[in-house]
Amino acid sequence: MKLPLFLLALLSLSGPVRAQEKTETAKTPATASPVTHAQSDPAFAPRPTPDHESAVIPVPKTKPGWMARNESMNQRAAQGHVDLIYLGDSIVQYFNAKGKKVWDHYYAPRNALNLGISGDRTQHALWRLEHGNIDGISPKLAIVMIGQNNGGHNTPAEISDGVTRVVETIRKKLPETKILLLAIFYRREKPTEERLVFDEANATIAKLADDKTIFYLNINSIFLLPDGTISKELMPDYEHPSPLGHRLWAEAIEGKVAELMGDQPVLPMPPLAEAPPTPEPTNIPTSAPVR
């Protein structure tokens, strides 16, 4: 049976059309579920915090002098007879410099060991706690002020996690030692967004206090003027206390320190005479004599 010519023409055209449809179908990807921009763009993918930036993973620093100072602390701890430790960063280390007279008045008679190193964050303090800073000692009290240098690197939750890990490490290694945790100090002259970060972190770490073995104090207000700016007289660089700043700091916590150590409060210092500027700490090893 012969087909009409117009049907033959239609059949000859339908072949290429079907072939083209199959080809286009093969080229078109499956669309079972839509993909958002955040899912497809690697820039939106969650990224783990690098170990050296993590507030809870112990790491040492590699700056010249850091390990030397750490070793000097270990050597002093190995001598024993330590009743008080003060753990922190440069703000605590400055008790060996601008705050030395204050340290000698309030803390040296209590056989105190300064465990502050400039630039340290919580992860560096954690490494030191695990590598000799508190081995072989059983102090009555540990004063802790750490976390400021995590600002700009970590979130409030990460900072509070780091401080929490520091407190837990001290609690584990020194079960008989009471802990006085200080709120993270502010820095920068005027209120900044970083203060909000520290406020949130401080609100979290304040909850660590059980008022039995762990205690918390926030003394940030003593460094502030009524408008919220930091006093240049008390923190000349708006971060590290002056001699007067160290004195007011020590006075603000002395009642609690004496209570937790089971001794009498130290009488206030006489007014500090003006003295030439003290060089900044250089992390040169210094070992205090055993008393």
Foldseek 3Di string as FASTA:
>chain_A
DDDDPVVVVVVVVVVVVVVVVVVVVVVDDDPPDDDDPLRVDPVNDDDDQPLVLFLAAADADDDPLRVQQLVLLLVQLVVEPAAEEEAEELQQVCCVWQVVVVCVQAPVVRRYGYHYYHLDALNHSVNSLVPRNNPPYAHLEYEYAHQPSSQVRDALVRSLVSVVSNVVSCCVRHVNHAYEYEQHADFDFADDVSVVRSVSNRVVNCVVDPVPRYHYDYPNVVQADPRGTGDCQQPVRRHHGGNVVSLVVCVVCQVVVCVSSVHDGRDRDDDDDDDPHIDRDPSNHDHDDND
